[in-house]
């Protein structure tokens, strides 16, 4: 877990390629922790602060606990696909640690959309929506790892070691954990939120495959961020229809 959050990995857990290969199934569990922290910060803040400020503090908490890992990936993808026209060029831009105009504008709009989508939720649903969004979106990243090939050839990549031999049972476990939170909403209509999330993930998969032939770690971060926001918007839309 320490790879995706600031939470340190216990010393008793030794490194092995087998552990890395099997850790993919636990990505949604990381969503439980990150989303749970965000929900707790929101809940605690509401006793003293307005809903809008509480949501913003919740977002800050989730960004801090992950080290902006996924947000950084989204910004890199915006820069790479916005400024590159060939596979090699796109991959090279994604490796650049600097943030360009596409990345800055993209992450600003994404965070604004996330904030507004949560702000206009029914307040009774915000806690569950935050947690469910973090869990489901991470299961979508696992789906991409199972469906597409990793495209970077350099061995210094951070993501390649954990994407080897993703097994079917690991993939299925991640998807089951990802969808379970949807059953905690007070109406089964909220299960419909799964389909816009899946659609967004499939569209991104096709886009990445078309331009670079697969995915990178930054692509996974993008899928997590985008599907999280799509989930919030879907819950908001369903709530307005009910």
Protein backbone atom coordinates (compact mmCIF):
# COMPACT_ATOMS: atom_id res chain seq x y z
CA UNK A 1 0.00 0.00 0.00
CA UNK A 2 2.86 2.36 0.64
CA UNK A 3 3.42 2.48 -3.11
CA UNK A 4 0.11 4.30 -3.62
CA UNK A 5 -0.13 6.24 -0.35
CA UNK A 6 2.12 7.88 2.22
CA UNK A 7 1.27 5.06 4.63
CA UNK A 8 4.47 3.03 5.16
CA UNK A 9 4.53 -0.69 4.43
CA UNK A 10 5.18 -2.76 7.61
CA UNK A 11 8.76 -3.98 7.86
CA UNK A 12 7.59 -7.56 8.35
CA UNK A 13 6.34 -7.64 4.74
CA UNK A 14 9.30 -8.63 2.59
CA UNK A 15 9.76 -7.71 -1.05
CA UNK A 16 9.12 -10.38 -3.66
CA UNK A 17 7.98 -10.42 -7.27
CA UNK A 18 5.14 -12.73 -6.24
CA UNK A 19 3.84 -10.14 -3.77
CA UNK A 20 4.06 -7.47 -6.45
CA UNK A 21 2.21 -9.64 -8.95
CA UNK A 22 -0.62 -10.25 -6.50
CA UNK A 23 -0.97 -6.74 -5.11
CA UNK A 24 -3.18 -5.64 -8.01
CA UNK A 25 -6.20 -7.30 -6.43
CA UNK A 26 -5.89 -4.96 -3.47
CA UNK A 27 -6.10 -1.67 -5.36
CA UNK A 28 -9.79 -1.22 -4.41
CA UNK A 29 -8.84 -1.88 -0.77
CA UNK A 30 -6.56 1.14 -1.01
CA UNK A 31 -9.68 3.03 -2.10
CA UNK A 32 -11.34 1.95 1.16
CA UNK A 33 -8.50 3.56 3.12
CA UNK A 34 -8.15 6.72 1.02
CA UNK A 35 -11.90 7.22 0.63
CA UNK A 36 -12.41 6.43 4.31
CA UNK A 37 -9.91 9.11 5.32
CA UNK A 38 -11.60 11.60 3.01
CA UNK A 39 -15.01 10.74 4.43
CA UNK A 40 -13.81 11.03 8.04
CA UNK A 41 -12.24 14.44 7.39
CA UNK A 42 -15.46 15.62 5.74
CA UNK A 43 -17.62 14.29 8.57
CA UNK A 44 -15.46 15.83 11.29
CA UNK A 45 -15.23 19.17 9.54
CA UNK A 46 -19.01 19.50 9.14
CA UNK A 47 -19.38 19.98 12.90
CA UNK A 48 -17.52 23.29 12.63
CA UNK A 49 -17.50 24.34 8.99
CA UNK A 50 -19.85 24.71 6.01
CA UNK A 51 -20.33 21.78 3.64
CA UNK A 52 -18.28 23.43 0.89
CA UNK A 53 -15.23 23.89 3.12
CA UNK A 54 -15.62 20.37 4.52
CA UNK A 55 -15.60 18.88 1.01
CA UNK A 56 -12.51 20.87 0.08
CA UNK A 57 -10.71 19.68 3.22
CA UNK A 58 -11.73 16.12 2.36
CA UNK A 59 -10.21 16.48 -1.10
CA UNK A 60 -7.02 17.92 0.37
CA UNK A 61 -6.79 14.96 2.76
CA UNK A 62 -7.10 12.37 -0.02
CA UNK A 63 -4.57 14.21 -2.17
CA UNK A 64 -2.14 14.40 0.74
CA UNK A 65 -2.46 10.75 1.74
CA UNK A 66 -1.76 9.61 -1.84
CA UNK A 67 0.93 12.22 -2.50
CA UNK A 68 -1.16 13.44 -5.46
CA UNK A 69 -0.04 10.24 -7.19
CA UNK A 70 -3.09 9.85 -9.43
CA UNK A 71 -3.60 13.57 -9.98
CA UNK A 72 -0.02 13.83 -11.20
CA UNK A 73 -0.67 10.98 -13.65
CA UNK A 74 -3.75 12.75 -14.98
CA UNK A 75 -1.81 15.98 -15.50
CA UNK A 76 0.97 14.10 -17.31
CA UNK A 77 -1.56 12.43 -19.62
CA UNK A 78 -3.16 15.80 -20.42
CA UNK A 79 0.24 17.21 -21.36
CA UNK A 80 1.32 14.13 -23.31
CA UNK A 81 -1.79 13.56 -25.38
CA UNK A 82 -2.41 17.28 -25.74
CA UNK A 83 1.06 18.04 -27.04
CA UNK A 84 2.18 14.77 -28.67
CA UNK A 85 1.17 13.31 -32.01
CA UNK A 86 3.23 10.12 -32.13
CA UNK A 87 3.69 7.30 -29.64
CA UNK A 88 7.33 8.07 -28.86
CA UNK A 89 6.58 11.75 -28.44
CA UNK A 90 3.61 11.07 -26.15
CA UNK A 91 5.63 8.70 -23.97
CA UNK A 92 8.51 11.15 -23.77
CA UNK A 93 6.25 14.01 -22.65
CA UNK A 94 4.66 11.77 -20.01
CA UNK A 95 8.11 11.12 -18.56
CA UNK A 96 8.76 14.86 -18.17
CA UNK A 97 8.20 15.89 -14.55
CA UNK A 98 7.29 19.44 -15.55
CA UNK A 99 3.62 20.41 -15.85
CA UNK A 100 2.58 22.20 -19.03
CA UNK A 101 -0.50 24.21 -19.95
CA UNK A 102 -2.60 21.15 -20.82
CA UNK A 103 -1.77 19.49 -17.51
CA UNK A 104 -2.37 22.61 -15.41
CA UNK A 105 -5.68 23.40 -17.06
CA UNK A 106 -6.76 19.76 -17.00
CA UNK A 107 -6.10 19.16 -13.31
CA UNK A 108 -7.70 22.49 -12.36
CA UNK A 109 -10.90 21.64 -14.24
CA UNK A 110 -10.92 18.08 -12.89
CA UNK A 111 -10.62 19.20 -9.25
CA UNK A 112 -13.25 21.88 -9.76
CA UNK A 113 -15.63 19.34 -11.27
CA UNK A 114 -14.96 16.90 -8.42
CA UNK A 115 -15.63 19.60 -5.85
CA UNK A 116 -18.87 20.78 -7.47
CA UNK A 117 -20.14 17.25 -8.04
CA UNK A 118 -19.77 16.54 -4.32
CA UNK A 119 -21.05 19.94 -3.22
CA UNK A 120 -24.38 19.44 -4.97
CA UNK A 121 -24.90 15.90 -3.67
CA UNK A 122 -27.61 15.13 -1.20
CA UNK A 123 -25.72 15.66 2.07
CA UNK A 124 -26.91 12.28 3.35
CA UNK A 125 -25.08 10.59 0.47
CA UNK A 126 -21.76 12.45 0.50
CA UNK A 127 -19.93 10.11 2.90
CA UNK A 128 -20.87 6.95 1.02
CA UNK A 129 -20.30 8.62 -2.36
CA UNK A 130 -16.73 9.59 -1.45
CA UNK A 131 -15.82 6.11 -0.23
CA UNK A 132 -17.56 4.28 -3.09
CA UNK A 133 -15.98 6.57 -5.68
CA UNK A 134 -12.46 5.86 -4.48
CA UNK A 135 -13.07 2.11 -4.37
CA UNK A 136 -14.84 1.70 -7.72
CA UNK A 137 -12.42 3.95 -9.62
CA UNK A 138 -9.45 1.88 -8.50
CA UNK A 139 -11.14 -1.32 -9.62
CA UNK A 140 -11.42 0.29 -13.06
CA UNK A 141 -7.64 0.78 -13.12
CA UNK A 142 -7.19 -2.93 -12.40
CA UNK A 143 -9.54 -3.71 -15.29
CA UNK A 144 -7.33 -1.69 -17.62
CA UNK A 145 -4.25 -3.55 -16.39
CA UNK A 146 -5.99 -6.80 -17.23
CA UNK A 147 -7.33 -5.67 -20.62
CA UNK A 148 -4.38 -3.76 -22.10
CA UNK A 149 -0.64 -4.21 -22.41
CA UNK A 150 1.95 -2.11 -20.63
CA UNK A 151 3.78 -0.09 -23.27
CA UNK A 152 6.94 1.26 -21.66
CA UNK A 153 10.08 -0.68 -22.44
CA UNK A 154 12.43 0.92 -19.90
CA UNK A 155 13.09 -1.08 -16.75
CA UNK A 156 13.12 2.03 -14.56
CA UNK A 157 9.35 2.28 -14.79
CA UNK A 158 7.50 2.31 -11.48
CA UNK A 159 4.45 0.45 -12.78
CA UNK A 160 5.88 -2.36 -14.89
CA UNK A 161 6.96 -4.61 -12.00
CA UNK A 162 3.41 -4.81 -10.65
CA UNK A 163 1.70 -5.45 -13.97
CA UNK A 164 3.22 -8.80 -14.81
CA UNK A 165 0.97 -11.85 -14.86
CA UNK A 166 -2.28 -10.26 -13.71
CA UNK A 167 -4.38 -13.33 -13.06
CA UNK A 168 -8.09 -13.71 -13.73
CA UNK A 169 -8.96 -14.37 -10.08
CA UNK A 170 -7.08 -11.22 -9.01
CA UNK A 171 -8.97 -9.22 -11.62
CA UNK A 172 -12.33 -10.64 -10.54
CA UNK A 173 -11.62 -10.04 -6.86
CA UNK A 174 -10.84 -6.37 -7.57
CA UNK A 175 -14.09 -5.95 -9.52
CA UNK A 176 -16.20 -7.57 -6.80
CA UNK A 177 -14.71 -5.29 -4.13
CA UNK A 178 -15.17 -2.33 -6.47
CA UNK A 179 -18.91 -2.80 -6.92
CA UNK A 180 -19.89 -3.85 -3.38
CA UNK A 181 -20.22 -0.25 -2.05
CA UNK A 182 -22.97 0.45 -4.59
CA UNK A 183 -25.27 -1.91 -2.69
CA UNK A 184 -25.06 0.29 0.41
CA UNK A 185 -26.99 3.14 -1.23
CA UNK A 186 -30.64 3.40 -0.21
CA UNK A 187 -31.94 2.57 -3.69
CA UNK A 188 -30.88 -0.02 -6.23
CA UNK A 189 -31.17 2.69 -8.87
CA UNK A 190 -27.75 3.87 -7.75
CA UNK A 191 -26.33 0.66 -9.21
CA UNK A 192 -26.84 2.34 -12.58
CA UNK A 193 -23.86 4.58 -11.73
CA UNK A 194 -21.63 1.63 -12.61
CA UNK A 195 -22.40 1.90 -16.31
CA UNK A 196 -21.27 5.50 -16.97
CA UNK A 197 -18.10 4.68 -15.01
CA UNK A 198 -17.46 1.57 -17.11
CA UNK A 199 -18.22 3.48 -20.32
CA UNK A 200 -15.69 6.19 -19.43
CA UNK A 201 -13.08 3.54 -18.62
CA UNK A 202 -13.65 1.72 -21.93
CA UNK A 203 -13.45 4.96 -23.92
CA UNK A 204 -10.16 5.84 -22.24
CA UNK A 205 -8.86 2.31 -22.89
CA UNK A 206 -9.67 2.64 -26.59
CA UNK A 207 -8.07 6.08 -26.72
CA UNK A 208 -4.86 4.91 -25.06
CA UNK A 209 -4.69 1.80 -27.23
CA UNK A 210 -5.19 3.85 -30.39
CA UNK A 211 -2.41 6.32 -29.65
CA UNK A 212 0.20 4.35 -27.70
CA UNK A 213 -0.89 0.73 -28.03
CA UNK A 214 -1.68 0.17 -24.34
CA UNK A 215 -1.25 1.94 -21.03
CA UNK A 216 1.33 3.43 -18.67
CA UNK A 217 1.19 4.19 -14.96
CA UNK A 218 0.02 7.71 -15.77
CA UNK A 219 -2.84 6.24 -17.80
CA UNK A 220 -3.93 4.23 -14.76
CA UNK A 221 -3.91 7.39 -12.65
CA UNK A 222 -6.02 9.10 -15.28
CA UNK A 223 -8.56 6.29 -15.32
CA UNK A 224 -8.80 6.43 -11.54
CA UNK A 225 -9.34 10.18 -11.48
CA UNK A 226 -11.76 10.37 -14.39
CA UNK A 227 -13.92 7.43 -13.30
CA UNK A 228 -14.04 8.80 -9.75
CA UNK A 229 -15.48 12.07 -11.07
CA UNK A 230 -17.83 10.26 -13.45
CA UNK A 231 -19.12 8.25 -10.50
CA UNK A 232 -19.83 11.41 -8.49
CA UNK A 233 -21.66 12.93 -11.46
CA UNK A 234 -23.63 9.73 -12.01
CA UNK A 235 -24.78 9.58 -8.38
CA UNK A 236 -25.73 13.25 -8.61
CA UNK A 237 -27.74 12.67 -11.79
CA UNK A 238 -29.54 9.62 -10.38
CA UNK A 239 -30.38 11.54 -7.22
CA UNK A 240 -31.99 14.31 -9.29
CA UNK A 241 -34.06 11.76 -11.23
CA UNK A 242 -35.38 9.97 -8.12
